[in-house]
Each structure stands twice: as C-alpha cells, then as structure tokens.
Amino acid sequence: MASLNRVMIIGNIGKQPEMRYTPSGSPVTTFSVACNRKYTQDGQNKEETEWVNVVTWNKQAESCNQYLNKGSLVYVEGRLHTRSWDGQDGQKHYRVEVIASQVIFLDRKQGGGQREDDYSPEDDLPF
C-alpha cells in the first residue's frame, strides 16, 4: 500500500535561523515556526501555539539564512522526520522535524517592496 508523508505549515519564525555546515561542506539551516490555533472552549476564545522545527539544505538553507529573521512569516512544505540520539545523561532523545522541500517567504520588505524570491508572474499584470 502507498504511503504519504507531507506537511504544510504557515507561521512566524520563533528565533533567528541558524546555519551550519556538514563535514562534507553542505549548508544546513534550522529554525522553528510558531503555528497558532484558535478555538473556543467553554464559551471562551482560546489560542494555542505549536512549535515546529524546520530543517533546510543546500541553496535553500543559504536563502533562508540570508532572508529570514525572527518574526518572519513563512510557508513551509516538506516531510516529517524523527531523529534520535543518546544524550550525555544516557537517555534516548527524540526530535521531530520538518525536512523542507519548499519555503516561501510571505513577508514583504519594509517599505512595501518585494524580495526577488517573492516574484510571481501575476505581479506583471497591468491591472
């Protein structure tokens, strides 16, 4: 039977993205995205935030490191991945991450302009 592992989120970057390099020299940038959910409970409006860890690689990692900042609004599409490691305390640790296949920067530059990577062919329409 076929399976599917696809995640799509929109939210704000929680802290400044962090770029590192693998031993082979590939860039990897990680950041967290806050996804808010509003709901009503006992007649009261409530909101909760789910923090999603995102990993980007290579050219996309470089772009995310260069253009994203704390608070930036992003759309991320990718797949879920769980990695595990043994901590110094001897305990097994787990981390669920989204390995991004696409990141779209949803914020506009200050002053109302667009970044080069936000270009859409519809921007050229005269109306």
Protein backbone atom coordinates (compact mmCIF):
# COMPACT_ATOMS: atom_id res chain seq x y z
CA MET A 1 0.00 0.00 0.00
CA ALA A 2 1.24 3.50 -0.82
CA SER A 3 2.06 5.94 1.96
CA LEU A 4 2.28 9.70 2.25
CA ASN A 5 4.45 11.92 4.44
CA ARG A 6 3.72 15.56 3.64
CA VAL A 7 3.47 18.59 5.91
CA MET A 8 2.38 22.15 5.12
CA ILE A 9 2.59 24.93 7.69
CA ILE A 10 2.31 28.71 7.78
CA GLY A 11 3.63 30.63 10.75
CA ASN A 12 6.18 33.02 12.16
CA ILE A 13 9.87 32.27 12.77
CA GLY A 14 10.46 31.95 16.52
CA LYS A 15 14.14 32.90 16.65
CA GLN A 16 16.88 33.81 14.21
CA PRO A 17 17.61 30.91 11.78
CA GLU A 18 20.90 29.12 12.41
CA MET A 19 23.12 27.93 9.55
CA ARG A 20 25.86 25.33 9.89
CA TYR A 21 27.84 23.16 7.51
CA THR A 22 28.11 19.38 7.42
CA PRO A 23 31.60 17.83 7.42
CA SER A 24 31.25 17.48 3.61
CA GLY A 25 30.53 21.22 3.31
CA SER A 26 26.76 21.19 2.70
CA PRO A 27 24.91 24.12 4.29
CA VAL A 28 22.01 23.31 6.62
CA THR A 29 19.78 25.92 8.25
CA THR A 30 17.39 25.21 11.10
CA PHE A 31 14.63 27.35 12.56
CA SER A 32 11.36 26.98 14.44
CA VAL A 33 7.95 28.13 13.25
CA ALA A 34 5.08 29.08 15.55
CA CYS A 35 1.73 27.82 14.26
CA ASN A 36 -1.24 29.26 16.15
CA ARG A 37 -4.60 27.57 16.52
CA LYS A 38 -7.67 29.44 17.73
CA TYR A 39 -10.59 27.59 19.26
CA THR A 40 -13.50 28.03 21.66
CA GLN A 41 -13.71 26.16 24.95
CA ASP A 42 -16.49 26.65 27.47
CA GLY A 43 -17.64 29.72 25.56
CA GLN A 44 -14.24 31.38 25.76
CA ASN A 45 -11.93 32.10 22.83
CA LYS A 46 -8.54 30.48 23.31
CA GLU A 47 -5.34 30.17 21.34
CA GLU A 48 -2.50 27.68 21.47
CA THR A 49 0.85 27.66 19.72
CA GLU A 50 2.53 24.60 18.25
CA TRP A 51 6.28 25.00 17.63
CA VAL A 52 7.54 23.18 14.53
CA ASN A 53 11.26 22.55 13.96
CA VAL A 54 12.30 23.02 10.31
CA VAL A 55 15.48 21.89 8.53
CA THR A 56 16.56 23.23 5.12
CA TRP A 57 19.52 22.14 3.00
CA ASN A 58 21.93 23.49 0.39
CA LYS A 59 20.81 26.54 -1.67
CA GLN A 60 17.52 26.75 0.20
CA ALA A 61 19.43 26.77 3.51
CA GLU A 62 21.54 29.69 2.30
CA SER A 63 18.44 31.66 1.20
CA CYS A 64 16.63 31.03 4.48
CA ASN A 65 19.68 32.11 6.46
CA GLN A 66 20.05 35.26 4.38
CA TYR A 67 16.42 36.43 4.16
CA LEU A 68 14.54 35.07 7.18
CA ASN A 69 14.55 36.73 10.58
CA LYS A 70 12.80 36.24 13.88
CA GLY A 71 9.13 37.04 13.29
CA SER A 72 9.19 36.44 9.50
CA LEU A 73 6.03 34.86 8.10
CA VAL A 74 6.75 31.69 6.07
CA TYR A 75 5.05 28.84 4.29
CA VAL A 76 6.95 25.55 4.68
CA GLU A 77 6.24 22.33 2.85
CA GLY A 78 8.14 19.13 3.45
CA ARG A 79 8.15 15.78 5.20
CA LEU A 80 8.22 14.75 8.85
CA HIS A 81 11.39 13.15 10.13
CA THR A 82 12.18 11.90 13.63
CA ARG A 83 15.78 11.64 14.66
CA SER A 84 17.12 10.15 17.84
CA TRP A 85 20.38 10.23 19.75
CA ASP A 86 21.79 9.14 23.10
CA GLY A 87 22.40 12.09 25.39
CA GLN A 88 25.31 12.58 27.74
CA ASP A 89 22.90 11.62 30.51
CA GLY A 90 22.48 8.16 28.92
CA GLN A 91 18.87 8.88 27.95
CA LYS A 92 17.48 8.43 24.44
CA HIS A 93 16.35 11.77 22.99
CA TYR A 94 13.97 12.35 20.08
CA ARG A 95 13.29 15.35 17.88
CA VAL A 96 10.55 15.63 15.25
CA GLU A 97 11.45 17.94 12.37
CA VAL A 98 10.06 19.02 9.03
CA ILE A 99 12.64 18.47 6.28
CA ALA A 100 11.65 21.32 3.97
CA SER A 101 11.24 20.78 0.26
CA GLN A 102 9.86 24.31 -0.24
CA VAL A 103 9.99 27.51 1.80
CA ILE A 104 8.09 30.57 0.63
CA PHE A 105 8.82 33.91 2.27
CA LEU A 106 5.44 35.56 2.88
CA ASP A 107 6.63 38.86 4.37
CA ARG A 108 7.17 41.90 2.21
CA LYS A 109 10.29 44.01 2.61
CA GLN A 110 9.94 47.08 4.77
CA GLY A 111 8.54 49.88 2.68
CA GLY A 112 6.14 47.61 0.81
CA GLY A 113 8.56 46.24 -1.79
CA GLN A 114 9.05 42.61 -2.72
CA ARG A 115 12.11 40.46 -2.36
CA GLU A 116 13.42 38.92 -5.55
CA ASP A 117 12.39 35.41 -4.46
CA ASP A 118 8.79 36.53 -3.84
CA TYR A 119 8.26 37.34 -7.53
CA SER A 120 5.16 35.98 -9.19
CA PRO A 121 4.28 36.33 -12.90
CA GLU A 122 0.97 37.85 -11.80
CA ASP A 123 2.97 40.83 -10.49
CA ASP A 124 3.44 41.95 -14.11
CA LEU A 125 -0.29 42.22 -14.83
CA PRO A 126 -1.27 45.83 -15.62
CA PHE A 127 -4.47 45.72 -13.54
